[in-house]
N, C-alpha and C. Protein backbone atom coordinates (compact mmCIF):
# COMPACT_ATOMS: atom_id res chain seq x y z
N MET A 1 -61.07 -46.24 -5.26
CA MET A 1 -60.90 -46.26 -6.41
C MET A 1 -59.95 -47.42 -6.90
N LYS A 2 -60.33 -48.30 -7.82
CA LYS A 2 -59.80 -49.38 -8.09
C LYS A 2 -58.95 -49.32 -9.37
N VAL A 3 -57.48 -49.61 -9.48
CA VAL A 3 -56.80 -49.80 -10.90
C VAL A 3 -55.95 -51.14 -10.86
N THR A 4 -56.52 -51.56 -12.18
CA THR A 4 -55.95 -52.94 -12.73
C THR A 4 -54.98 -52.77 -13.83
N VAL A 5 -53.82 -53.19 -13.77
CA VAL A 5 -52.94 -53.27 -14.85
C VAL A 5 -52.62 -54.84 -15.20
N ILE A 6 -52.67 -55.17 -16.54
CA ILE A 6 -52.18 -56.36 -17.12
C ILE A 6 -51.38 -56.11 -18.33
N ARG A 7 -50.21 -56.73 -18.08
CA ARG A 7 -49.12 -56.63 -19.08
C ARG A 7 -48.85 -58.05 -19.73
N SER A 8 -49.21 -57.90 -21.18
CA SER A 8 -48.98 -59.29 -21.83
C SER A 8 -47.85 -58.84 -22.94
N GLY A 9 -47.95 -59.88 -23.61
CA GLY A 9 -46.93 -59.86 -25.04
C GLY A 9 -45.33 -59.95 -24.57
N GLY A 10 -44.71 -59.20 -25.35
CA GLY A 10 -43.11 -59.52 -25.00
C GLY A 10 -42.73 -60.67 -25.90
N PHE A 11 -41.48 -60.89 -25.65
CA PHE A 11 -40.89 -62.01 -26.55
C PHE A 11 -41.28 -63.21 -25.95
N ALA A 12 -41.32 -63.57 -24.48
CA ALA A 12 -41.91 -64.71 -23.67
C ALA A 12 -43.34 -64.86 -23.62
N GLY A 13 -44.03 -63.82 -23.76
CA GLY A 13 -45.36 -63.80 -23.68
C GLY A 13 -45.91 -64.06 -22.32
N ILE A 14 -45.12 -63.73 -21.31
CA ILE A 14 -45.42 -64.06 -19.84
C ILE A 14 -46.46 -62.89 -19.25
N GLU A 15 -47.41 -63.04 -18.82
CA GLU A 15 -48.49 -62.24 -18.30
C GLU A 15 -48.06 -61.73 -16.92
N ARG A 16 -48.24 -60.40 -16.52
CA ARG A 16 -47.94 -60.01 -15.34
C ARG A 16 -49.36 -59.11 -14.97
N ARG A 17 -49.65 -59.03 -13.46
CA ARG A 17 -50.75 -58.33 -13.50
C ARG A 17 -50.53 -57.60 -11.78
N GLY A 18 -51.51 -56.52 -11.90
CA GLY A 18 -51.25 -55.85 -10.45
C GLY A 18 -52.62 -54.90 -10.50
N GLN A 19 -53.01 -54.93 -8.89
CA GLN A 19 -54.09 -54.37 -8.67
C GLN A 19 -53.89 -53.19 -7.48
N ALA A 20 -54.24 -51.96 -7.40
CA ALA A 20 -54.24 -51.28 -6.34
C ALA A 20 -55.39 -50.61 -6.11
N ASP A 21 -55.78 -50.16 -4.75
CA ASP A 21 -57.08 -49.45 -4.67
C ASP A 21 -56.62 -48.32 -3.70
N SER A 22 -57.10 -47.28 -3.83
CA SER A 22 -56.87 -45.95 -3.16
C SER A 22 -57.31 -45.97 -1.63
N ALA A 23 -58.32 -46.81 -1.34
CA ALA A 23 -58.41 -47.23 0.15
C ALA A 23 -57.46 -47.63 0.98
N ASP A 24 -56.25 -48.24 0.27
CA ASP A 24 -55.29 -48.90 0.83
C ASP A 24 -53.74 -48.20 0.51
N ASP A 25 -53.95 -47.33 -0.77
CA ASP A 25 -52.87 -46.69 -1.29
C ASP A 25 -52.93 -45.18 -1.49
N PRO A 26 -52.47 -44.47 -0.54
CA PRO A 26 -52.67 -42.90 -0.74
C PRO A 26 -51.95 -42.29 -1.97
N LEU A 27 -51.29 -42.90 -2.45
CA LEU A 27 -50.46 -42.20 -3.60
C LEU A 27 -51.37 -42.62 -4.85
N LEU A 28 -52.30 -43.40 -4.97
CA LEU A 28 -52.97 -43.95 -6.15
C LEU A 28 -53.70 -42.52 -6.84
N ASP A 29 -54.65 -41.86 -5.81
CA ASP A 29 -55.19 -40.89 -6.43
C ASP A 29 -54.49 -39.66 -7.15
N GLY A 30 -53.25 -39.36 -6.86
CA GLY A 30 -52.47 -38.59 -7.34
C GLY A 30 -51.97 -38.97 -8.69
N LEU A 31 -51.69 -40.26 -8.79
CA LEU A 31 -51.10 -40.88 -10.14
C LEU A 31 -52.25 -40.83 -11.31
N VAL A 32 -53.38 -41.28 -10.39
CA VAL A 32 -54.76 -41.47 -11.63
C VAL A 32 -55.16 -40.08 -12.18
N GLY A 33 -54.95 -38.92 -11.27
CA GLY A 33 -55.23 -37.53 -11.65
C GLY A 33 -54.56 -37.00 -12.47
N ARG A 34 -53.41 -37.51 -12.80
CA ARG A 34 -52.47 -37.19 -14.00
C ARG A 34 -52.68 -37.81 -15.29
N VAL A 35 -53.57 -38.74 -15.35
CA VAL A 35 -53.65 -39.67 -16.81
C VAL A 35 -55.25 -39.36 -16.97
N ASP A 36 -55.32 -39.37 -18.23
CA ASP A 36 -56.48 -39.32 -19.15
C ASP A 36 -56.44 -40.42 -20.07
N LEU A 37 -57.26 -41.25 -19.76
CA LEU A 37 -57.04 -42.49 -20.71
C LEU A 37 -57.91 -42.42 -22.15
N SER A 38 -58.85 -41.54 -22.15
CA SER A 38 -59.47 -41.19 -23.37
C SER A 38 -58.52 -40.64 -24.31
N LEU A 39 -57.39 -40.10 -23.92
CA LEU A 39 -56.32 -39.37 -24.95
C LEU A 39 -55.23 -40.25 -25.50
N LEU A 40 -55.47 -41.51 -25.00
CA LEU A 40 -54.39 -42.49 -25.34
C LEU A 40 -54.50 -43.21 -26.85
N PRO A 41 -53.75 -42.97 -27.84
CA PRO A 41 -53.73 -43.82 -28.98
C PRO A 41 -53.63 -45.24 -28.67
N PRO A 42 -54.34 -46.16 -29.74
CA PRO A 42 -54.50 -47.68 -29.65
C PRO A 42 -52.77 -47.93 -29.81
N PRO A 43 -52.71 -49.30 -29.08
CA PRO A 43 -51.37 -49.80 -29.55
C PRO A 43 -50.94 -50.29 -30.81
N GLY A 44 -49.92 -49.78 -31.33
CA GLY A 44 -49.49 -50.24 -32.43
C GLY A 44 -48.95 -51.54 -32.83
N ARG A 45 -48.74 -52.05 -33.81
CA ARG A 45 -48.51 -53.35 -33.78
C ARG A 45 -46.90 -53.82 -34.03
N ILE A 46 -46.46 -53.90 -33.05
CA ILE A 46 -44.92 -53.70 -32.96
C ILE A 46 -44.80 -55.42 -32.59
N PRO A 47 -43.87 -56.01 -33.37
CA PRO A 47 -43.66 -57.40 -32.76
C PRO A 47 -42.91 -57.60 -31.28
N ASP A 48 -43.41 -58.26 -30.58
CA ASP A 48 -42.69 -58.68 -29.24
C ASP A 48 -42.73 -57.40 -28.28
N GLN A 49 -43.57 -56.39 -28.35
CA GLN A 49 -43.62 -55.16 -27.53
C GLN A 49 -44.80 -55.90 -26.45
N PHE A 50 -44.69 -55.31 -25.38
CA PHE A 50 -45.49 -55.56 -24.08
C PHE A 50 -46.79 -54.70 -24.67
N VAL A 51 -47.86 -55.03 -24.27
CA VAL A 51 -49.28 -54.54 -24.44
C VAL A 51 -49.85 -54.38 -22.74
N TYR A 52 -50.26 -53.18 -22.40
CA TYR A 52 -50.83 -52.78 -20.98
C TYR A 52 -52.21 -52.66 -20.91
N ASP A 53 -52.95 -53.66 -20.51
CA ASP A 53 -54.39 -53.23 -20.40
C ASP A 53 -54.56 -52.70 -18.98
N ILE A 54 -55.39 -51.56 -19.11
CA ILE A 54 -55.23 -50.63 -17.96
C ILE A 54 -56.90 -50.37 -17.42
N ASP A 55 -57.25 -50.73 -16.20
CA ASP A 55 -58.89 -50.26 -15.89
C ASP A 55 -58.66 -49.59 -14.73
N ILE A 56 -59.32 -48.39 -14.73
CA ILE A 56 -59.38 -47.35 -13.67
C ILE A 56 -61.17 -47.23 -13.37
N ASP A 57 -61.50 -48.14 -12.42
CA ASP A 57 -62.75 -47.88 -12.09
C ASP A 57 -63.66 -48.21 -13.08
N GLY A 58 -63.50 -49.18 -14.19
CA GLY A 58 -64.33 -49.48 -15.07
C GLY A 58 -64.23 -48.82 -16.32
N THR A 59 -63.15 -47.71 -16.37
CA THR A 59 -62.88 -47.47 -17.68
C THR A 59 -61.64 -47.83 -18.38
N THR A 60 -61.71 -48.51 -19.53
CA THR A 60 -60.52 -49.31 -19.86
C THR A 60 -59.60 -48.91 -20.93
N THR A 61 -58.53 -49.23 -21.06
CA THR A 61 -57.76 -49.09 -22.46
C THR A 61 -56.63 -50.01 -22.66
N SER A 62 -56.26 -50.05 -23.94
CA SER A 62 -55.01 -50.81 -24.11
C SER A 62 -53.99 -50.01 -24.59
N VAL A 63 -52.75 -49.94 -24.28
CA VAL A 63 -51.84 -49.18 -25.01
C VAL A 63 -50.16 -50.15 -25.09
N GLY A 64 -49.57 -49.61 -26.01
CA GLY A 64 -48.34 -50.53 -26.22
C GLY A 64 -47.38 -50.06 -25.55
N GLU A 65 -46.15 -50.35 -25.43
CA GLU A 65 -44.99 -50.06 -24.70
C GLU A 65 -44.52 -48.74 -25.05
N ALA A 66 -44.66 -48.31 -26.46
CA ALA A 66 -44.14 -46.96 -26.98
C ALA A 66 -44.86 -45.97 -26.36
N GLN A 67 -46.33 -46.24 -26.03
CA GLN A 67 -47.15 -45.15 -25.64
C GLN A 67 -47.01 -44.99 -24.25
N LEU A 68 -46.41 -45.73 -23.45
CA LEU A 68 -46.39 -45.81 -22.19
C LEU A 68 -44.98 -44.78 -21.67
N THR A 69 -45.61 -43.39 -21.30
CA THR A 69 -44.53 -42.52 -20.94
C THR A 69 -45.36 -41.49 -20.10
N GLY A 70 -44.31 -40.68 -19.52
CA GLY A 70 -44.70 -39.70 -18.31
C GLY A 70 -45.68 -40.44 -17.32
N PRO A 71 -46.71 -39.80 -16.90
CA PRO A 71 -47.39 -39.91 -15.81
C PRO A 71 -48.26 -41.26 -15.91
N LEU A 72 -48.50 -41.70 -17.09
CA LEU A 72 -48.90 -42.91 -17.44
C LEU A 72 -47.96 -44.38 -17.10
N ARG A 73 -46.89 -44.17 -17.45
CA ARG A 73 -45.59 -44.87 -16.93
C ARG A 73 -45.59 -44.99 -15.46
N GLU A 74 -45.68 -44.04 -14.73
CA GLU A 74 -45.45 -43.77 -13.32
C GLU A 74 -46.59 -44.75 -12.71
N LEU A 75 -48.12 -44.45 -13.19
CA LEU A 75 -49.24 -45.13 -12.56
C LEU A 75 -48.77 -46.69 -12.82
N VAL A 76 -48.72 -47.10 -14.23
CA VAL A 76 -48.61 -48.44 -14.47
C VAL A 76 -47.50 -49.19 -13.52
N HIS A 77 -46.32 -48.73 -13.57
CA HIS A 77 -45.19 -49.24 -12.70
C HIS A 77 -45.67 -49.31 -11.16
N HIS A 78 -46.41 -48.24 -10.79
CA HIS A 78 -46.74 -48.44 -9.22
C HIS A 78 -47.70 -49.32 -9.15
N VAL A 79 -48.72 -49.72 -10.05
CA VAL A 79 -49.54 -50.67 -9.88
C VAL A 79 -49.04 -51.91 -9.92
N LEU A 80 -48.15 -52.03 -11.06
CA LEU A 80 -47.54 -53.49 -11.25
C LEU A 80 -46.82 -53.80 -9.91
N ASP A 81 -45.87 -52.85 -9.47
CA ASP A 81 -44.89 -53.24 -8.26
C ASP A 81 -45.85 -53.42 -6.90
N SER A 82 -47.16 -53.00 -6.83
CA SER A 82 -47.63 -53.07 -5.80
C SER A 82 -48.59 -54.37 -5.63
N GLY A 83 -48.39 -55.30 -7.06
CA GLY A 83 -48.89 -56.52 -6.99
C GLY A 83 -50.32 -56.65 -6.79
N GLY A 84 -51.03 -57.10 -5.77
CA GLY A 84 -52.62 -57.15 -5.82
C GLY A 84 -52.83 -58.29 -6.31
C-alpha cells in the first residue's frame, strides 16, 4: 500500500511532499486502518491555512488543517516525516 501526502498553502505557499509504502514501513498499515477518507469534509476556505492532499492507493481527498485531527493527523505527519 502506498500513501502520498502533499501539503500546500500556508502563508508562504511552500509545498511539502511525503510518500510511504507499507512494504518498507510496518507502521503504515495500522495508521491507514484507523482512517476513513470518505468521512472527511472538504477543506473550508480559511486564509493561509495548509491544505493536505492525501492519496491512499488511489483513493484521494483534500482536507484543511482544521480537519486534520486524531488518527488522520498521525498518518499525515508520519508520511510527511518519512520523506519519500
